[in-house]
């Protein structure tokens, strides 16, 4: 994320499910998602005005993720793995192709994006529909950063509420999630330092290709 700006959940969820249960990976990522996106949101001047424009999307994703996470422990891990795989593939393909969609800031589009991102975010911590929606709006860079930060932040709060209800966020996973915050911040600084000495375009393409392959692996492994 520090090197090329690609989202933390997508990168983490392409690797963590190889080693641990997907639901546990979602729990560990909860605090990093809340804190890093909250910081991103408030670091830009005039963020409160932008947040008001995306309030409906934020409320929708909060409610949807809370509901999904409230029963995520009952969902088979192979199904969650498939959702992760599909989200990774969509994320990498959209980032490669830069598709454009005729979306607007109207309530129907905000609710649709919030519900879809809430479902994928609740199951896999990845909110790919939200990235597609905000990118398709062709927002100015600062507006985009605040909008994504705000909606990811509210989605993270929904994850925290839902996972606490199902006890997936507990005395074991909460400290692990807190440690993940520290590691994410350290990794971000290392990536920002490396950014000065690498070919950003080539590195981005290699990383997106790797995510596509890992997403395909997730689908195949969990289907067969």
C-alpha atoms as a PDB file:
ATOM      1  CA  UNK A   1       0.000   0.000   0.000  1.00  0.00           C
ATOM      2  CA  UNK A   2       2.838   2.401   0.788  1.00  0.00           C
ATOM      3  CA  UNK A   3       4.627   1.622  -2.476  1.00  0.00           C
ATOM      4  CA  UNK A   4       1.757   1.775  -4.981  1.00  0.00           C
ATOM      5  CA  UNK A   5      -1.387   2.764  -3.073  1.00  0.00           C
ATOM      6  CA  UNK A   6      -3.363  -0.460  -3.522  1.00  0.00           C
ATOM      7  CA  UNK A   7      -5.754  -1.206  -0.675  1.00  0.00           C
ATOM      8  CA  UNK A   8      -4.583  -3.037   2.409  1.00  0.00           C
ATOM      9  CA  UNK A   9      -7.573  -5.452   2.640  1.00  0.00           C
ATOM     10  CA  UNK A  10      -7.119  -6.712  -0.918  1.00  0.00           C
ATOM     11  CA  UNK A  11      -3.428  -7.430  -0.424  1.00  0.00           C
ATOM     12  CA  UNK A  12      -3.884  -8.993   3.007  1.00  0.00           C
ATOM     13  CA  UNK A  13      -6.830 -11.166   1.984  1.00  0.00           C
ATOM     14  CA  UNK A  14      -4.893 -12.492  -0.999  1.00  0.00           C
ATOM     15  CA  UNK A  15      -2.353 -14.019   1.406  1.00  0.00           C
ATOM     16  CA  UNK A  16      -3.833 -14.582   4.875  1.00  0.00           C
ATOM     17  CA  UNK A  17      -6.411 -17.255   3.880  1.00  0.00           C
ATOM     18  CA  UNK A  18      -3.536 -19.433   2.644  1.00  0.00           C
ATOM     19  CA  UNK A  19      -2.425 -19.795   6.269  1.00  0.00           C
ATOM     20  CA  UNK A  20      -5.491 -19.168   8.481  1.00  0.00           C
ATOM     21  CA  UNK A  21      -9.281 -19.400   8.352  1.00  0.00           C
ATOM     22  CA  UNK A  22     -10.848 -16.574   6.260  1.00  0.00           C
ATOM     23  CA  UNK A  23     -13.136 -15.469   9.121  1.00  0.00           C
ATOM     24  CA  UNK A  24     -10.109 -15.110  11.415  1.00  0.00           C
ATOM     25  CA  UNK A  25      -8.321 -13.065   8.758  1.00  0.00           C
ATOM     26  CA  UNK A  26     -11.323 -10.728   8.544  1.00  0.00           C
ATOM     27  CA  UNK A  27     -11.237 -10.245  12.332  1.00  0.00           C
ATOM     28  CA  UNK A  28      -7.512  -9.450  12.332  1.00  0.00           C
ATOM     29  CA  UNK A  29      -7.948  -6.814   9.612  1.00  0.00           C
ATOM     30  CA  UNK A  30     -10.775  -4.980  11.397  1.00  0.00           C
ATOM     31  CA  UNK A  31      -8.724  -2.520  13.461  1.00  0.00           C
ATOM     32  CA  UNK A  32      -6.233  -1.691  10.692  1.00  0.00           C
ATOM     33  CA  UNK A  33      -9.184  -0.913   8.388  1.00  0.00           C
ATOM     34  CA  UNK A  34     -10.813   1.389  10.965  1.00  0.00           C
ATOM     35  CA  UNK A  35      -7.691   3.295  12.020  1.00  0.00           C
ATOM     36  CA  UNK A  36      -5.923   3.673   8.669  1.00  0.00           C
ATOM     37  CA  UNK A  37      -9.070   4.812   6.860  1.00  0.00           C
ATOM     38  CA  UNK A  38     -10.150   7.091   9.696  1.00  0.00           C
ATOM     39  CA  UNK A  39      -6.753   8.766   9.546  1.00  0.00           C
ATOM     40  CA  UNK A  40      -6.959   9.014   5.742  1.00  0.00           C
ATOM     41  CA  UNK A  41     -10.401  10.610   5.997  1.00  0.00           C
ATOM     42  CA  UNK A  42      -9.598  13.353   8.518  1.00  0.00           C
ATOM     43  CA  UNK A  43      -6.154  14.190   7.111  1.00  0.00           C
ATOM     44  CA  UNK A  44      -7.644  16.143   4.200  1.00  0.00           C
ATOM     45  CA  UNK A  45      -8.930  19.679   4.650  1.00  0.00           C
ATOM     46  CA  UNK A  46     -12.683  20.060   4.182  1.00  0.00           C
ATOM     47  CA  UNK A  47     -13.360  16.356   4.807  1.00  0.00           C
ATOM     48  CA  UNK A  48     -16.631  16.986   6.660  1.00  0.00           C
ATOM     49  CA  UNK A  49     -18.241  18.494   3.552  1.00  0.00           C
ATOM     50  CA  UNK A  50     -17.239  15.494   1.429  1.00  0.00           C
ATOM     51  CA  UNK A  51     -18.412  13.024   4.067  1.00  0.00           C
ATOM     52  CA  UNK A  52     -21.906  14.536   3.991  1.00  0.00           C
ATOM     53  CA  UNK A  53     -22.125  13.761   0.271  1.00  0.00           C
ATOM     54  CA  UNK A  54     -21.478  10.059   0.944  1.00  0.00           C
ATOM     55  CA  UNK A  55     -23.411   9.649   4.205  1.00  0.00           C
ATOM     56  CA  UNK A  56     -26.000   7.331   2.652  1.00  0.00           C
ATOM     57  CA  UNK A  57     -23.329   4.978   1.281  1.00  0.00           C
ATOM     58  CA  UNK A  58     -21.580   4.978   4.666  1.00  0.00           C
ATOM     59  CA  UNK A  59     -24.752   4.177   6.608  1.00  0.00           C
ATOM     60  CA  UNK A  60     -25.727   1.462   4.110  1.00  0.00           C
ATOM     61  CA  UNK A  61     -22.373  -0.317   4.267  1.00  0.00           C
ATOM     62  CA  UNK A  62     -22.333  -0.089   8.082  1.00  0.00           C
ATOM     63  CA  UNK A  63     -25.743  -1.735   8.385  1.00  0.00           C
ATOM     64  CA  UNK A  64     -25.044  -4.375   5.728  1.00  0.00           C
ATOM     65  CA  UNK A  65     -21.647  -5.392   7.106  1.00  0.00           C
ATOM     66  CA  UNK A  66     -23.003  -5.535  10.668  1.00  0.00           C
ATOM     67  CA  UNK A  67     -25.758  -7.921   9.522  1.00  0.00           C
ATOM     68  CA  UNK A  68     -23.426 -10.098   7.425  1.00  0.00           C
ATOM     69  CA  UNK A  69     -20.764 -10.282  10.144  1.00  0.00           C
ATOM     70  CA  UNK A  70     -23.372 -11.213  12.746  1.00  0.00           C
ATOM     71  CA  UNK A  71     -23.681 -14.660  11.169  1.00  0.00           C
ATOM     72  CA  UNK A  72     -20.355 -14.988   9.312  1.00  0.00           C
ATOM     73  CA  UNK A  73     -19.207 -17.674  11.762  1.00  0.00           C
ATOM     74  CA  UNK A  74     -22.028 -19.896  10.467  1.00  0.00           C
ATOM     75  CA  UNK A  75     -20.957 -19.548   6.824  1.00  0.00           C
ATOM     76  CA  UNK A  76     -18.739 -22.372   5.489  1.00  0.00           C
ATOM     77  CA  UNK A  77     -15.111 -21.285   5.107  1.00  0.00           C
ATOM     78  CA  UNK A  78     -14.972 -22.590   1.531  1.00  0.00           C
ATOM     79  CA  UNK A  79     -17.809 -20.222   0.550  1.00  0.00           C
ATOM     80  CA  UNK A  80     -15.964 -17.277   2.111  1.00  0.00           C
ATOM     81  CA  UNK A  81     -12.853 -18.393   0.245  1.00  0.00           C
ATOM     82  CA  UNK A  82     -14.738 -18.294  -3.049  1.00  0.00           C
ATOM     83  CA  UNK A  83     -16.016 -14.770  -2.290  1.00  0.00           C
ATOM     84  CA  UNK A  84     -12.447 -13.707  -1.522  1.00  0.00           C
ATOM     85  CA  UNK A  85     -11.254 -15.187  -4.819  1.00  0.00           C
ATOM     86  CA  UNK A  86     -13.975 -13.448  -6.842  1.00  0.00           C
ATOM     87  CA  UNK A  87     -13.296 -10.117  -5.094  1.00  0.00           C
ATOM     88  CA  UNK A  88      -9.560 -10.368  -5.809  1.00  0.00           C
ATOM     89  CA  UNK A  89     -10.155 -11.159  -9.474  1.00  0.00           C
ATOM     90  CA  UNK A  90     -12.637  -8.289  -9.877  1.00  0.00           C
ATOM     91  CA  UNK A  91     -10.286  -5.902  -8.081  1.00  0.00           C
ATOM     92  CA  UNK A  92      -7.289  -6.810 -10.237  1.00  0.00           C
ATOM     93  CA  UNK A  93      -9.262  -6.799 -13.513  1.00  0.00           C
ATOM     94  CA  UNK A  94     -10.894  -3.451 -12.770  1.00  0.00           C
ATOM     95  CA  UNK A  95      -7.525  -1.941 -11.797  1.00  0.00           C
ATOM     96  CA  UNK A  96      -6.000  -3.215 -15.037  1.00  0.00           C
ATOM     97  CA  UNK A  97      -8.834  -2.245 -17.387  1.00  0.00           C
ATOM     98  CA  UNK A  98     -10.032   0.973 -15.689  1.00  0.00           C
ATOM     99  CA  UNK A  99     -13.629   0.387 -16.757  1.00  0.00           C
ATOM    100  CA  UNK A 100     -16.118   3.256 -16.678  1.00  0.00           C
ATOM    101  CA  UNK A 101     -19.706   2.934 -15.458  1.00  0.00           C
ATOM    102  CA  UNK A 102     -22.583   5.472 -15.742  1.00  0.00           C
ATOM    103  CA  UNK A 103     -22.961   5.963 -11.979  1.00  0.00           C
ATOM    104  CA  UNK A 104     -23.931   9.082 -10.015  1.00  0.00           C
ATOM    105  CA  UNK A 105     -24.149  10.282  -6.405  1.00  0.00           C
ATOM    106  CA  UNK A 106     -27.905   9.622  -6.384  1.00  0.00           C
ATOM    107  CA  UNK A 107     -29.362   7.646  -3.446  1.00  0.00           C
ATOM    108  CA  UNK A 108     -30.035   4.517  -5.527  1.00  0.00           C
ATOM    109  CA  UNK A 109     -26.392   4.217  -6.587  1.00  0.00           C
ATOM    110  CA  UNK A 110     -25.076   4.901  -3.079  1.00  0.00           C
ATOM    111  CA  UNK A 111     -27.397   2.278  -1.587  1.00  0.00           C
ATOM    112  CA  UNK A 112     -26.516  -0.284  -4.284  1.00  0.00           C
ATOM    113  CA  UNK A 113     -22.776   0.273  -3.834  1.00  0.00           C
ATOM    114  CA  UNK A 114     -23.145   0.176  -0.052  1.00  0.00           C
ATOM    115  CA  UNK A 115     -25.120  -3.080  -0.032  1.00  0.00           C
ATOM    116  CA  UNK A 116     -22.812  -4.877  -2.487  1.00  0.00           C
ATOM    117  CA  UNK A 117     -19.662  -3.646  -0.739  1.00  0.00           C
ATOM    118  CA  UNK A 118     -21.217  -4.549   2.611  1.00  0.00           C
ATOM    119  CA  UNK A 119     -21.821  -8.131   1.502  1.00  0.00           C
ATOM    120  CA  UNK A 120     -18.325  -8.646   0.095  1.00  0.00           C
ATOM    121  CA  UNK A 121     -16.755  -6.671   2.937  1.00  0.00           C
ATOM    122  CA  UNK A 122     -18.604  -8.641   5.581  1.00  0.00           C
ATOM    123  CA  UNK A 123     -17.499 -11.950   4.105  1.00  0.00           C
ATOM    124  CA  UNK A 124     -13.983 -11.077   3.003  1.00  0.00           C
ATOM    125  CA  UNK A 125     -13.053  -7.566   4.290  1.00  0.00           C
ATOM    126  CA  UNK A 126     -12.755  -6.544   0.628  1.00  0.00           C
ATOM    127  CA  UNK A 127     -15.095  -3.822  -0.565  1.00  0.00           C
ATOM    128  CA  UNK A 128     -14.414  -4.082  -4.287  1.00  0.00           C
ATOM    129  CA  UNK A 129     -17.854  -2.733  -5.396  1.00  0.00           C
ATOM    130  CA  UNK A 130     -17.107   0.455  -3.456  1.00  0.00           C
ATOM    131  CA  UNK A 131     -13.743   0.961  -5.193  1.00  0.00           C
ATOM    132  CA  UNK A 132     -15.418   0.409  -8.577  1.00  0.00           C
ATOM    133  CA  UNK A 133     -18.199   2.867  -7.702  1.00  0.00           C
ATOM    134  CA  UNK A 134     -15.953   5.665  -6.418  1.00  0.00           C
ATOM    135  CA  UNK A 135     -13.510   5.255  -9.307  1.00  0.00           C
ATOM    136  CA  UNK A 136     -16.341   5.382 -11.854  1.00  0.00           C
ATOM    137  CA  UNK A 137     -17.511   8.710 -10.357  1.00  0.00           C
ATOM    138  CA  UNK A 138     -14.251  10.300 -11.604  1.00  0.00           C
ATOM    139  CA  UNK A 139     -13.840  12.226  -8.351  1.00  0.00           C
ATOM    140  CA  UNK A 140     -10.993  14.662  -7.732  1.00  0.00           C
ATOM    141  CA  UNK A 141      -8.133  12.909  -5.928  1.00  0.00           C
ATOM    142  CA  UNK A 142      -8.776  14.468  -2.511  1.00  0.00           C
ATOM    143  CA  UNK A 143     -12.518  13.858  -2.741  1.00  0.00           C
ATOM    144  CA  UNK A 144     -11.863  10.251  -3.716  1.00  0.00           C
ATOM    145  CA  UNK A 145      -9.511   9.712  -0.769  1.00  0.00           C
ATOM    146  CA  UNK A 146     -11.995  11.158   1.741  1.00  0.00           C
ATOM    147  CA  UNK A 147     -14.958   9.271   0.253  1.00  0.00           C
ATOM    148  CA  UNK A 148     -13.161   5.910   0.244  1.00  0.00           C
ATOM    149  CA  UNK A 149     -11.658   6.553   3.677  1.00  0.00           C
ATOM    150  CA  UNK A 150     -15.057   7.432   5.147  1.00  0.00           C
ATOM    151  CA  UNK A 151     -16.953   4.488   3.663  1.00  0.00           C
ATOM    152  CA  UNK A 152     -14.171   2.025   4.558  1.00  0.00           C
ATOM    153  CA  UNK A 153     -14.123   3.532   8.068  1.00  0.00           C
ATOM    154  CA  UNK A 154     -17.874   3.047   8.567  1.00  0.00           C
ATOM    155  CA  UNK A 155     -17.590  -0.433   7.064  1.00  0.00           C
ATOM    156  CA  UNK A 156     -14.825  -1.213   9.550  1.00  0.00           C
ATOM    157  CA  UNK A 157     -17.054  -0.089  12.420  1.00  0.00           C
ATOM    158  CA  UNK A 158     -19.742  -2.435  11.098  1.00  0.00           C
ATOM    159  CA  UNK A 159     -17.193  -5.261  11.059  1.00  0.00           C
ATOM    160  CA  UNK A 160     -16.261  -4.506  14.664  1.00  0.00           C
ATOM    161  CA  UNK A 161     -19.900  -4.548  15.822  1.00  0.00           C
ATOM    162  CA  UNK A 162     -20.830  -7.696  13.891  1.00  0.00           C
ATOM    163  CA  UNK A 163     -17.697  -9.661  14.787  1.00  0.00           C
ATOM    164  CA  UNK A 164     -18.040  -8.699  18.458  1.00  0.00           C
ATOM    165  CA  UNK A 165     -21.606 -10.007  18.400  1.00  0.00           C
ATOM    166  CA  UNK A 166     -20.438 -13.387  17.075  1.00  0.00           C
ATOM    167  CA  UNK A 167     -17.410 -13.388  19.424  1.00  0.00           C
ATOM    168  CA  UNK A 168     -14.979 -13.591  16.494  1.00  0.00           C
ATOM    169  CA  UNK A 169     -13.549 -10.354  17.855  1.00  0.00           C
ATOM    170  CA  UNK A 170     -12.433 -11.589  21.257  1.00  0.00           C
ATOM    171  CA  UNK A 171      -9.547 -11.632  23.729  1.00  0.00           C
ATOM    172  CA  UNK A 172      -7.422 -13.523  21.194  1.00  0.00           C
ATOM    173  CA  UNK A 173      -8.218 -11.764  17.910  1.00  0.00           C
ATOM    174  CA  UNK A 174      -8.400  -8.202  19.329  1.00  0.00           C
ATOM    175  CA  UNK A 175      -4.700  -8.128  20.358  1.00  0.00           C
ATOM    176  CA  UNK A 176      -3.776  -9.725  17.022  1.00  0.00           C
ATOM    177  CA  UNK A 177      -5.748  -7.008  15.217  1.00  0.00           C
ATOM    178  CA  UNK A 178      -3.992  -4.332  17.297  1.00  0.00           C
ATOM    179  CA  UNK A 179      -0.594  -5.788  16.371  1.00  0.00           C
ATOM    180  CA  UNK A 180      -1.709  -5.795  12.730  1.00  0.00           C
ATOM    181  CA  UNK A 181      -2.262  -2.022  13.003  1.00  0.00           C
ATOM    182  CA  UNK A 182       1.366  -1.515  14.045  1.00  0.00           C
ATOM    183  CA  UNK A 183       2.637  -3.848  11.321  1.00  0.00           C
ATOM    184  CA  UNK A 184       0.481  -2.104   8.705  1.00  0.00           C
ATOM    185  CA  UNK A 185       1.886   1.298   9.659  1.00  0.00           C
ATOM    186  CA  UNK A 186       5.459  -0.024   9.592  1.00  0.00           C
ATOM    187  CA  UNK A 187       4.872  -1.717   6.253  1.00  0.00           C
ATOM    188  CA  UNK A 188       3.360   1.459   4.843  1.00  0.00           C
ATOM    189  CA  UNK A 189       6.456   3.465   5.752  1.00  0.00           C
ATOM    190  CA  UNK A 190       8.759   0.813   4.248  1.00  0.00           C
ATOM    191  CA  UNK A 191       6.691   0.786   1.062  1.00  0.00           C
ATOM    192  CA  UNK A 192       6.759   4.588   0.856  1.00  0.00           C
ATOM    193  CA  UNK A 193      10.553   4.471   1.148  1.00  0.00           C
ATOM    194  CA  UNK A 194      10.882   1.759  -1.516  1.00  0.00           C
ATOM    195  CA  UNK A 195       8.584   3.698  -3.844  1.00  0.00           C
ATOM    196  CA  UNK A 196      11.461   6.060  -4.633  1.00  0.00           C
ATOM    197  CA  UNK A 197      13.645   3.287  -6.049  1.00  0.00           C
ATOM    198  CA  UNK A 198      11.227   1.057  -7.971  1.00  0.00           C
ATOM    199  CA  UNK A 199       9.358   1.214 -11.248  1.00  0.00           C
ATOM    200  CA  UNK A 200       5.881   1.869  -9.891  1.00  0.00           C
ATOM    201  CA  UNK A 201       4.022   0.836 -13.057  1.00  0.00           C
ATOM    202  CA  UNK A 202       5.827  -2.495 -13.420  1.00  0.00           C
ATOM    203  CA  UNK A 203       5.541  -3.259  -9.714  1.00  0.00           C
ATOM    204  CA  UNK A 204       1.813  -2.473  -9.796  1.00  0.00           C
ATOM    205  CA  UNK A 205       1.247  -4.766 -12.785  1.00  0.00           C
ATOM    206  CA  UNK A 206       3.203  -7.583 -11.145  1.00  0.00           C
ATOM    207  CA  UNK A 207       1.267  -7.185  -7.907  1.00  0.00           C
ATOM    208  CA  UNK A 208      -2.133  -7.094  -9.654  1.00  0.00           C
ATOM    209  CA  UNK A 209      -1.182 -10.187 -11.659  1.00  0.00           C
ATOM    210  CA  UNK A 210      -0.196 -11.954  -8.447  1.00  0.00           C
ATOM    211  CA  UNK A 211      -3.503 -10.991  -6.840  1.00  0.00           C
ATOM    212  CA  UNK A 212      -5.388 -12.341  -9.862  1.00  0.00           C
ATOM    213  CA  UNK A 213      -3.543 -15.665  -9.622  1.00  0.00           C
ATOM    214  CA  UNK A 214      -4.102 -15.897  -5.867  1.00  0.00           C
ATOM    215  CA  UNK A 215      -7.785 -15.095  -6.369  1.00  0.00           C
ATOM    216  CA  UNK A 216      -8.060 -17.848  -8.969  1.00  0.00           C
ATOM    217  CA  UNK A 217      -6.307 -20.199  -6.559  1.00  0.00           C
ATOM    218  CA  UNK A 218      -8.816 -19.355  -3.822  1.00  0.00           C
ATOM    219  CA  UNK A 219     -11.725 -20.246  -6.110  1.00  0.00           C
ATOM    220  CA  UNK A 220     -10.200 -23.501  -7.352  1.00  0.00           C
ATOM    221  CA  UNK A 221      -9.083 -24.706  -3.912  1.00  0.00           C
ATOM    222  CA  UNK A 222     -12.473 -23.973  -2.339  1.00  0.00           C
ATOM    223  CA  UNK A 223     -14.498 -25.417  -5.213  1.00  0.00           C
ATOM    224  CA  UNK A 224     -12.554 -28.660  -5.471  1.00  0.00           C
END
